Structure formats: C-alpha cells, structure tokens
Amino acid sequence: MECAIELSGIGKTFGRGKAAITALDGVDLRMAPGEFLCLLGASGCGKSTLLNLIANLDQPSTGSIVRNTARPAVMFQEAALMPWLTVQRNVELPMRLHRVPKAERAEKVAELLDLVRLSGVNDKRPHELSGGMRQRVALARALASAAGTEEADEPSLLLMDEPFAALDAITRDVLQGELIRIWRKTKTAVLFVTHDVREATRLGQRVVLLSSRPGRVVREWHTRDIDGTGDSAEVTDEITAALREVISQHAAT
C-alpha cells in the first residue's frame, strides 16, 4: 500500500557547535492513507518538531520526507481563529486564499459546520463561542484547507498538535469522540500529537512512542481495529509503563 507519509532517517538539530541541540535523531515512520496515528512522548521529546517537519514548516537536518497527500492541514493547541472574522469567514479563509468561487465556499462551509455540529453559528465571532466550540471551528477550517485546490483530489492529511490539551476534561472527552466520528466519515489521515496515554489509546489505530530528547522511535502499538473500534486496558497499561521508563531514563542522565 502506498504511504501517505514516509519519514526516513529524520534528524533535526537546532544551533551549532557546543550550543547545538539535537531534537530528533534517526526517526523512521510510515503512515498509511486514512490512518489515525498518535505520536506519544514526554514534553520536549521532539513531537511538535516532527509535526512541523511533516507540515513543511521547517526542514530536517538529515533524512527525507515523502508526502503522498494534499497539502497537510495543521491544528494547534490554540484555535488561532481570526478574532475580527465571523465563523463563516474563518472556516472559508483557506478557500478564499486559493480563490475558490464564493458559491462553492459557502456550500463547503455549510457542509463542514454541519460535520462539526456547529450549524447556525456562521455569523458569530470567536469571543462569542466556548473553548470547545472554537476548537470545532478550527477543525472545520483545517478540513477546509485543501478544499478546491488542485490537490483536493489527493488523500488528505490532518496534523494535530495537542489540540484538546487546554480544554476541561468533559469538553476534551466530547471532542475526542467527535474527532473519531469525523475521522470515520472523512477518511482523512490524522497524525495526532499528545503526551496523554489514555487520549492516544482512545483515538489512535496505532500509537508510536518517542524517546526523550533526542527523539527516536522506541516502540509502537496497534491499539484499534481498522474500522476504528475497540481498545484495550492492557495495551494502555503497557504503553504507560513504557512511557514511564522513557521518562525515568531521561531523568537518570
């Protein structure tokens, strides 16, 4: 099967000489089209750095990245909505930048807001929404990012950097469930960065654990069936133990 993303020997070093910091070292990773993969690791292990490299927001120091998808859409911990724009305008912004016709934009926005269960809030501005609603808008905007471009017929890829970390537990739980629903419906490949084991095992079909800095792939687990159902408390406990070991090894150095 063709990979959506293939990383070979990825390394990333910031700075030079004695001040150089190696964030990633020799990372190999393959991701299938439509796969939901969670990237897990302790704070500072290079998860976000790896996401930025895949998004082409930065370049690796060593290794290569092959992307067989449309331009990746990125969703961060903060919704990063334009406060002066309405929900409608925020979601359609990527399509406006790609000069998608107005009627087509309106149809797509309506479809996406319905998908994230926010129909009827088109004219509201971000400050009028709850934190969870703002993240739903950010998700709709991310899903719109490839709409109408010359890449739109290619497999899509959504990169998510701890998007629910700042939310309260109940809202986070609801949005995790919503994300699974949307992923099943859209068949978008999702690479989800988190440091929360339970979040990783609930969401991901596969969980990849990075070591502490420099980040290297330590282990991976298949946690969900191909249809995205089922999880295992035993796997969760096993991943938790592996993460604790990685953190302990880092603390001992």
C-alpha atoms as a PDB file:
ATOM      1  CA  MET A   1       0.000   0.000   0.000  1.00  0.00           C
ATOM      2  CA  GLU A   2       1.222   3.484  -0.833  1.00  0.00           C
ATOM      3  CA  CYS A   3       2.178   5.541   2.189  1.00  0.00           C
ATOM      4  CA  ALA A   4       0.554   8.874   2.953  1.00  0.00           C
ATOM      5  CA  ILE A   5       3.769   9.909   4.684  1.00  0.00           C
ATOM      6  CA  GLU A   6       7.174   8.220   4.812  1.00  0.00           C
ATOM      7  CA  LEU A   7       9.986   9.506   7.018  1.00  0.00           C
ATOM      8  CA  SER A   8      13.472   8.049   6.595  1.00  0.00           C
ATOM      9  CA  GLY A   9      16.337   8.787   8.990  1.00  0.00           C
ATOM     10  CA  ILE A  10      14.914  12.124  10.102  1.00  0.00           C
ATOM     11  CA  GLY A  11      17.183  14.200  12.297  1.00  0.00           C
ATOM     12  CA  LYS A  12      16.797  17.784  13.444  1.00  0.00           C
ATOM     13  CA  THR A  13      19.447  19.875  15.192  1.00  0.00           C
ATOM     14  CA  PHE A  14      18.990  23.464  16.310  1.00  0.00           C
ATOM     15  CA  GLY A  15      22.033  25.702  16.606  1.00  0.00           C
ATOM     16  CA  ARG A  16      25.701  24.903  16.008  1.00  0.00           C
ATOM     17  CA  GLY A  17      28.769  23.833  17.915  1.00  0.00           C
ATOM     18  CA  LYS A  18      28.549  23.435  21.674  1.00  0.00           C
ATOM     19  CA  ALA A  19      25.197  25.231  21.727  1.00  0.00           C
ATOM     20  CA  ALA A  20      23.614  22.749  19.301  1.00  0.00           C
ATOM     21  CA  ILE A  21      20.557  20.842  20.498  1.00  0.00           C
ATOM     22  CA  THR A  22      19.536  17.653  18.717  1.00  0.00           C
ATOM     23  CA  ALA A  23      15.764  17.339  18.919  1.00  0.00           C
ATOM     24  CA  LEU A  24      15.332  14.289  16.659  1.00  0.00           C
ATOM     25  CA  ASP A  25      17.705  11.536  15.614  1.00  0.00           C
ATOM     26  CA  GLY A  26      17.142   8.804  13.014  1.00  0.00           C
ATOM     27  CA  VAL A  27      13.342   8.761  13.016  1.00  0.00           C
ATOM     28  CA  ASP A  28      11.767   6.297  10.580  1.00  0.00           C
ATOM     29  CA  LEU A  29       7.982   6.369  10.304  1.00  0.00           C
ATOM     30  CA  ARG A  30       5.393   5.303   7.733  1.00  0.00           C
ATOM     31  CA  MET A  31       1.744   6.300   7.762  1.00  0.00           C
ATOM     32  CA  ALA A  32      -0.971   4.765   5.594  1.00  0.00           C
ATOM     33  CA  PRO A  33      -3.692   6.776   3.816  1.00  0.00           C
ATOM     34  CA  GLY A  34      -6.667   7.245   6.146  1.00  0.00           C
ATOM     35  CA  GLU A  35      -4.761   6.009   9.199  1.00  0.00           C
ATOM     36  CA  PHE A  36      -5.189   7.573  12.650  1.00  0.00           C
ATOM     37  CA  LEU A  37      -1.753   7.596  14.256  1.00  0.00           C
ATOM     38  CA  CYS A  38      -0.953   9.050  17.676  1.00  0.00           C
ATOM     39  CA  LEU A  39       2.562  10.274  18.411  1.00  0.00           C
ATOM     40  CA  LEU A  40       3.239   9.964  22.115  1.00  0.00           C
ATOM     41  CA  GLY A  41       6.096  11.148  24.277  1.00  0.00           C
ATOM     42  CA  ALA A  42       7.156  13.243  27.239  1.00  0.00           C
ATOM     43  CA  SER A  43       7.353  17.024  26.994  1.00  0.00           C
ATOM     44  CA  GLY A  44      10.380  18.167  24.989  1.00  0.00           C
ATOM     45  CA  CYS A  45      10.918  14.885  23.134  1.00  0.00           C
ATOM     46  CA  GLY A  46      10.510  16.423  19.677  1.00  0.00           C
ATOM     47  CA  LYS A  47       6.868  15.585  18.905  1.00  0.00           C
ATOM     48  CA  SER A  48       5.948  19.097  17.793  1.00  0.00           C
ATOM     49  CA  THR A  49       9.240  19.447  15.910  1.00  0.00           C
ATOM     50  CA  LEU A  50       8.433  16.303  13.938  1.00  0.00           C
ATOM     51  CA  LEU A  51       4.945  17.611  13.176  1.00  0.00           C
ATOM     52  CA  ASN A  52       6.402  20.888  11.881  1.00  0.00           C
ATOM     53  CA  LEU A  53       8.753  18.969   9.592  1.00  0.00           C
ATOM     54  CA  ILE A  54       5.901  16.901   8.158  1.00  0.00           C
ATOM     55  CA  ALA A  55       3.870  20.088   7.661  1.00  0.00           C
ATOM     56  CA  ASN A  56       6.834  21.568   5.755  1.00  0.00           C
ATOM     57  CA  LEU A  57       7.013  24.439   8.244  1.00  0.00           C
ATOM     58  CA  ASP A  58      10.676  23.535   8.820  1.00  0.00           C
ATOM     59  CA  GLN A  59      13.280  21.345   7.134  1.00  0.00           C
ATOM     60  CA  PRO A  60      15.087  18.315   8.614  1.00  0.00           C
ATOM     61  CA  SER A  61      18.832  18.432   9.220  1.00  0.00           C
ATOM     62  CA  THR A  62      19.153  14.861   7.940  1.00  0.00           C
ATOM     63  CA  GLY A  63      16.907  12.324   6.273  1.00  0.00           C
ATOM     64  CA  SER A  64      13.987  12.645   3.879  1.00  0.00           C
ATOM     65  CA  ILE A  65      10.211  13.042   3.958  1.00  0.00           C
ATOM     66  CA  VAL A  66       7.927  11.754   1.200  1.00  0.00           C
ATOM     67  CA  ARG A  67       4.367  13.133   1.186  1.00  0.00           C
ATOM     68  CA  ASN A  68       1.721  11.451  -0.982  1.00  0.00           C
ATOM     69  CA  THR A  69      -1.110  13.686   0.205  1.00  0.00           C
ATOM     70  CA  ALA A  70      -2.650  17.077  -0.402  1.00  0.00           C
ATOM     71  CA  ARG A  71      -1.063  19.974   1.487  1.00  0.00           C
ATOM     72  CA  PRO A  72      -1.255  18.984   5.188  1.00  0.00           C
ATOM     73  CA  ALA A  73      -3.673  20.930   7.384  1.00  0.00           C
ATOM     74  CA  VAL A  74      -2.421  21.780  10.866  1.00  0.00           C
ATOM     75  CA  MET A  75      -4.418  22.239  14.067  1.00  0.00           C
ATOM     76  CA  PHE A  76      -2.688  23.550  17.195  1.00  0.00           C
ATOM     77  CA  GLN A  77      -3.473  23.632  20.922  1.00  0.00           C
ATOM     78  CA  GLU A  78      -4.892  27.129  20.499  1.00  0.00           C
ATOM     79  CA  ALA A  79      -7.698  27.574  17.983  1.00  0.00           C
ATOM     80  CA  ALA A  80      -5.861  30.576  16.444  1.00  0.00           C
ATOM     81  CA  LEU A  81      -9.014  31.957  14.855  1.00  0.00           C
ATOM     82  CA  MET A  82      -9.065  35.462  13.422  1.00  0.00           C
ATOM     83  CA  PRO A  83     -10.974  37.382  16.149  1.00  0.00           C
ATOM     84  CA  TRP A  84     -12.335  40.000  13.734  1.00  0.00           C
ATOM     85  CA  LEU A  85     -13.810  37.393  11.370  1.00  0.00           C
ATOM     86  CA  THR A  86     -17.066  35.506  11.752  1.00  0.00           C
ATOM     87  CA  VAL A  87     -17.143  31.727  11.967  1.00  0.00           C
ATOM     88  CA  GLN A  88     -18.145  31.642   8.294  1.00  0.00           C
ATOM     89  CA  ARG A  89     -15.162  33.761   7.279  1.00  0.00           C
ATOM     90  CA  ASN A  90     -12.712  31.852   9.493  1.00  0.00           C
ATOM     91  CA  VAL A  91     -13.673  28.488   8.011  1.00  0.00           C
ATOM     92  CA  GLU A  92     -13.655  29.714   4.423  1.00  0.00           C
ATOM     93  CA  LEU A  93     -10.330  31.557   4.784  1.00  0.00           C
ATOM     94  CA  PRO A  94      -8.162  28.761   3.281  1.00  0.00           C
ATOM     95  CA  MET A  95     -10.526  28.522   0.329  1.00  0.00           C
ATOM     96  CA  ARG A  96     -10.505  32.296  -0.181  1.00  0.00           C
ATOM     97  CA  LEU A  97      -6.713  32.202  -0.303  1.00  0.00           C
ATOM     98  CA  HIS A  98      -6.983  29.560  -3.041  1.00  0.00           C
ATOM     99  CA  ARG A  99      -9.588  31.634  -4.892  1.00  0.00           C
ATOM    100  CA  VAL A 100     -12.392  29.113  -4.625  1.00  0.00           C
ATOM    101  CA  PRO A 101     -15.609  30.637  -6.045  1.00  0.00           C
ATOM    102  CA  LYS A 102     -17.944  32.220  -3.478  1.00  0.00           C
ATOM    103  CA  ALA A 103     -20.872  29.829  -4.024  1.00  0.00           C
ATOM    104  CA  GLU A 104     -18.600  26.810  -3.701  1.00  0.00           C
ATOM    105  CA  ARG A 105     -17.079  28.236  -0.500  1.00  0.00           C
ATOM    106  CA  ALA A 106     -20.496  28.788   1.051  1.00  0.00           C
ATOM    107  CA  GLU A 107     -21.573  25.239   0.234  1.00  0.00           C
ATOM    108  CA  LYS A 108     -18.374  23.764   1.693  1.00  0.00           C
ATOM    109  CA  VAL A 109     -18.567  25.860   4.874  1.00  0.00           C
ATOM    110  CA  ALA A 110     -22.152  24.731   5.461  1.00  0.00           C
ATOM    111  CA  GLU A 111     -21.094  21.112   4.967  1.00  0.00           C
ATOM    112  CA  LEU A 112     -18.141  21.407   7.358  1.00  0.00           C
ATOM    113  CA  LEU A 113     -20.022  23.266  10.101  1.00  0.00           C
ATOM    114  CA  ASP A 114     -22.685  20.579   9.940  1.00  0.00           C
ATOM    115  CA  LEU A 115     -19.947  17.955  10.182  1.00  0.00           C
ATOM    116  CA  VAL A 116     -18.544  19.503  13.389  1.00  0.00           C
ATOM    117  CA  ARG A 117     -22.094  20.127  14.687  1.00  0.00           C
ATOM    118  CA  LEU A 118     -21.956  23.908  14.605  1.00  0.00           C
ATOM    119  CA  SER A 119     -24.680  24.700  12.087  1.00  0.00           C
ATOM    120  CA  GLY A 120     -26.271  28.067  12.780  1.00  0.00           C
ATOM    121  CA  VAL A 121     -23.231  29.878  14.248  1.00  0.00           C
ATOM    122  CA  ASN A 122     -21.939  31.261  10.934  1.00  0.00           C
ATOM    123  CA  ASP A 123     -22.299  34.910  11.953  1.00  0.00           C
ATOM    124  CA  LYS A 124     -20.800  34.627  15.440  1.00  0.00           C
ATOM    125  CA  ARG A 125     -17.272  35.753  16.236  1.00  0.00           C
ATOM    126  CA  PRO A 126     -14.736  33.692  18.234  1.00  0.00           C
ATOM    127  CA  HIS A 127     -15.242  35.629  21.501  1.00  0.00           C
ATOM    128  CA  GLU A 128     -18.913  34.595  21.462  1.00  0.00           C
ATOM    129  CA  LEU A 129     -18.009  30.888  21.474  1.00  0.00           C
ATOM    130  CA  SER A 130     -16.858  28.497  24.188  1.00  0.00           C
ATOM    131  CA  GLY A 131     -13.373  26.998  24.051  1.00  0.00           C
ATOM    132  CA  GLY A 132     -14.746  23.727  22.739  1.00  0.00           C
ATOM    133  CA  MET A 133     -16.744  25.478  20.041  1.00  0.00           C
ATOM    134  CA  ARG A 134     -13.678  27.454  18.943  1.00  0.00           C
ATOM    135  CA  GLN A 135     -11.752  24.208  18.540  1.00  0.00           C
ATOM    136  CA  ARG A 136     -14.605  22.803  16.457  1.00  0.00           C
ATOM    137  CA  VAL A 137     -14.356  25.865  14.204  1.00  0.00           C
ATOM    138  CA  ALA A 138     -10.572  25.360  13.984  1.00  0.00           C
ATOM    139  CA  LEU A 139     -11.156  21.738  12.993  1.00  0.00           C
ATOM    140  CA  ALA A 140     -13.641  22.763  10.292  1.00  0.00           C
ATOM    141  CA  ARG A 141     -11.099  25.289   8.973  1.00  0.00           C
ATOM    142  CA  ALA A 142      -8.372  22.639   8.919  1.00  0.00           C
ATOM    143  CA  LEU A 143     -10.624  20.275   6.972  1.00  0.00           C
ATOM    144  CA  ALA A 144     -11.342  23.088   4.517  1.00  0.00           C
ATOM    145  CA  SER A 145      -7.684  23.837   3.857  1.00  0.00           C
ATOM    146  CA  ALA A 146      -7.361  21.560   0.800  1.00  0.00           C
ATOM    147  CA  ALA A 147     -10.877  22.123  -0.499  1.00  0.00           C
ATOM    148  CA  GLY A 148     -10.994  23.461  -4.030  1.00  0.00           C
ATOM    149  CA  THR A 149      -7.223  23.418  -4.582  1.00  0.00           C
ATOM    150  CA  GLU A 150      -5.500  21.494  -7.350  1.00  0.00           C
ATOM    151  CA  GLU A 151      -4.544  18.978  -4.640  1.00  0.00           C
ATOM    152  CA  ALA A 152      -8.118  18.429  -3.474  1.00  0.00           C
ATOM    153  CA  ASP A 153      -8.452  15.008  -5.140  1.00  0.00           C
ATOM    154  CA  GLU A 154      -5.350  13.709  -3.358  1.00  0.00           C
ATOM    155  CA  PRO A 155      -5.586  11.916   0.025  1.00  0.00           C
ATOM    156  CA  SER A 156      -5.901  14.417   2.863  1.00  0.00           C
ATOM    157  CA  LEU A 157      -3.758  14.691   5.986  1.00  0.00           C
ATOM    158  CA  LEU A 158      -4.587  16.437   9.258  1.00  0.00           C
ATOM    159  CA  LEU A 159      -1.765  17.209  11.693  1.00  0.00           C
ATOM    160  CA  MET A 160      -2.955  17.899  15.258  1.00  0.00           C
ATOM    161  CA  ASP A 161      -0.621  19.220  17.956  1.00  0.00           C
ATOM    162  CA  GLU A 162      -2.306  18.547  21.327  1.00  0.00           C
ATOM    163  CA  PRO A 163      -5.464  20.379  20.193  1.00  0.00           C
ATOM    164  CA  PHE A 164      -7.525  19.468  23.273  1.00  0.00           C
ATOM    165  CA  ALA A 165      -4.876  19.944  25.976  1.00  0.00           C
ATOM    166  CA  ALA A 166      -6.165  23.340  27.154  1.00  0.00           C
ATOM    167  CA  LEU A 167      -9.792  22.210  27.478  1.00  0.00           C
ATOM    168  CA  ASP A 168     -11.582  20.932  30.578  1.00  0.00           C
ATOM    169  CA  ALA A 169     -11.936  17.168  30.961  1.00  0.00           C
ATOM    170  CA  ILE A 170     -15.599  16.961  29.927  1.00  0.00           C
ATOM    171  CA  THR A 171     -15.145  19.094  26.802  1.00  0.00           C
ATOM    172  CA  ARG A 172     -11.992  17.174  25.897  1.00  0.00           C
ATOM    173  CA  ASP A 173     -13.858  13.872  26.200  1.00  0.00           C
ATOM    174  CA  VAL A 174     -16.674  15.123  23.965  1.00  0.00           C
ATOM    175  CA  LEU A 175     -14.295  16.442  21.289  1.00  0.00           C
ATOM    176  CA  GLN A 176     -12.287  13.221  21.277  1.00  0.00           C
ATOM    177  CA  GLY A 177     -15.498  11.360  20.463  1.00  0.00           C
ATOM    178  CA  GLU A 178     -16.383  13.916  17.800  1.00  0.00           C
ATOM    179  CA  LEU A 179     -12.947  13.619  16.215  1.00  0.00           C
ATOM    180  CA  ILE A 180     -13.316   9.847  15.925  1.00  0.00           C
ATOM    181  CA  ARG A 181     -16.721  10.323  14.276  1.00  0.00           C
ATOM    182  CA  ILE A 182     -15.355  12.879  11.799  1.00  0.00           C
ATOM    183  CA  TRP A 183     -12.313  10.729  11.004  1.00  0.00           C
ATOM    184  CA  ARG A 184     -14.511   7.729  10.221  1.00  0.00           C
ATOM    185  CA  LYS A 185     -16.710   9.832   7.961  1.00  0.00           C
ATOM    186  CA  THR A 186     -13.999  11.731   6.076  1.00  0.00           C
ATOM    187  CA  LYS A 187     -11.288   9.014   5.899  1.00  0.00           C
ATOM    188  CA  THR A 188      -8.716  11.757   6.484  1.00  0.00           C
ATOM    189  CA  ALA A 189      -5.325  10.543   7.690  1.00  0.00           C
ATOM    190  CA  VAL A 190      -4.676  12.012  11.143  1.00  0.00           C
ATOM    191  CA  LEU A 191      -1.349  12.403  12.930  1.00  0.00           C
ATOM    192  CA  PHE A 192      -2.194  13.390  16.497  1.00  0.00           C
ATOM    193  CA  VAL A 193       0.496  14.554  18.931  1.00  0.00           C
ATOM    194  CA  THR A 194      -0.157  14.014  22.640  1.00  0.00           C
ATOM    195  CA  HIS A 195       1.558  13.242  25.945  1.00  0.00           C
ATOM    196  CA  ASP A 196      -1.626  11.624  27.329  1.00  0.00           C
ATOM    197  CA  VAL A 197      -1.624   7.822  27.081  1.00  0.00           C
ATOM    198  CA  ARG A 198      -5.384   7.456  27.521  1.00  0.00           C
ATOM    199  CA  GLU A 199      -6.032  10.016  24.795  1.00  0.00           C
ATOM    200  CA  ALA A 200      -3.616   8.203  22.479  1.00  0.00           C
ATOM    201  CA  THR A 201      -5.176   4.775  23.013  1.00  0.00           C
ATOM    202  CA  ARG A 202      -8.709   6.098  22.714  1.00  0.00           C
ATOM    203  CA  LEU A 203      -8.068   7.905  19.441  1.00  0.00           C
ATOM    204  CA  GLY A 204      -5.325   6.109  17.558  1.00  0.00           C
ATOM    205  CA  GLN A 205      -5.305   2.959  15.500  1.00  0.00           C
ATOM    206  CA  ARG A 206      -1.582   2.997  16.128  1.00  0.00           C
ATOM    207  CA  VAL A 207       0.481   4.647  18.873  1.00  0.00           C
ATOM    208  CA  VAL A 208       4.150   5.482  18.310  1.00  0.00           C
ATOM    209  CA  LEU A 209       6.290   6.304  21.351  1.00  0.00           C
ATOM    210  CA  LEU A 210       9.248   8.681  21.073  1.00  0.00           C
ATOM    211  CA  SER A 211      12.162   8.645  23.481  1.00  0.00           C
ATOM    212  CA  SER A 212      13.186  11.720  25.416  1.00  0.00           C
ATOM    213  CA  ARG A 213      15.498  14.132  23.582  1.00  0.00           C
ATOM    214  CA  PRO A 214      16.808  13.362  21.102  1.00  0.00           C
ATOM    215  CA  GLY A 215      13.554  11.853  19.933  1.00  0.00           C
ATOM    216  CA  ARG A 216      13.771   8.371  18.468  1.00  0.00           C
ATOM    217  CA  VAL A 217      11.035   5.810  17.839  1.00  0.00           C
ATOM    218  CA  VAL A 218      11.079   3.487  20.841  1.00  0.00           C
ATOM    219  CA  ARG A 219       8.071   1.265  20.239  1.00  0.00           C
ATOM    220  CA  GLU A 220       4.702   1.183  18.543  1.00  0.00           C
ATOM    221  CA  TRP A 221       1.389  -0.492  19.275  1.00  0.00           C
ATOM    222  CA  HIS A 222      -1.687  -1.277  17.187  1.00  0.00           C
ATOM    223  CA  THR A 223      -4.478  -0.214  19.517  1.00  0.00           C
ATOM    224  CA  ARG A 224      -7.638  -0.166  17.367  1.00  0.00           C
ATOM    225  CA  ASP A 225      -9.150  -2.236  14.600  1.00  0.00           C
ATOM    226  CA  ILE A 226      -9.131  -0.964  11.029  1.00  0.00           C
ATOM    227  CA  ASP A 227     -12.712   0.352  11.461  1.00  0.00           C
ATOM    228  CA  GLY A 228     -11.577   2.377  14.486  1.00  0.00           C
ATOM    229  CA  THR A 229     -13.425   0.347  17.124  1.00  0.00           C
ATOM    230  CA  GLY A 230     -12.221  -1.247  20.322  1.00  0.00           C
ATOM    231  CA  ASP A 231      -9.407  -0.503  22.705  1.00  0.00           C
ATOM    232  CA  SER A 232      -7.605  -2.372  25.459  1.00  0.00           C
ATOM    233  CA  ALA A 233      -6.884  -1.509  29.078  1.00  0.00           C
ATOM    234  CA  GLU A 234      -3.970  -3.941  28.880  1.00  0.00           C
ATOM    235  CA  VAL A 235      -2.404  -2.010  25.990  1.00  0.00           C
ATOM    236  CA  THR A 236      -2.954   1.268  27.846  1.00  0.00           C
ATOM    237  CA  ASP A 237      -1.112  -0.091  30.884  1.00  0.00           C
ATOM    238  CA  GLU A 238       1.716  -1.379  28.686  1.00  0.00           C
ATOM    239  CA  ILE A 239       2.159   1.971  26.951  1.00  0.00           C
ATOM    240  CA  THR A 240       2.029   3.810  30.281  1.00  0.00           C
ATOM    241  CA  ALA A 241       4.815   1.606  31.648  1.00  0.00           C
ATOM    242  CA  ALA A 242       6.929   2.199  28.534  1.00  0.00           C
ATOM    243  CA  LEU A 243       6.422   5.963  28.773  1.00  0.00           C
ATOM    244  CA  ARG A 244       7.395   5.969  32.452  1.00  0.00           C
ATOM    245  CA  GLU A 245      10.548   4.034  31.577  1.00  0.00           C
ATOM    246  CA  VAL A 246      11.472   6.592  28.903  1.00  0.00           C
ATOM    247  CA  ILE A 247      10.962   9.440  31.376  1.00  0.00           C
ATOM    248  CA  SER A 248      12.969   7.655  34.084  1.00  0.00           C
ATOM    249  CA  GLN A 249      15.877   7.029  31.717  1.00  0.00           C
ATOM    250  CA  HIS A 250      15.896  10.711  30.776  1.00  0.00           C
ATOM    251  CA  ALA A 251      15.869  11.788  34.433  1.00  0.00           C
ATOM    252  CA  ALA A 252      18.809   9.486  35.191  1.00  0.00           C
ATOM    253  CA  THR A 253      21.073  11.026  32.534  1.00  0.00           C
END
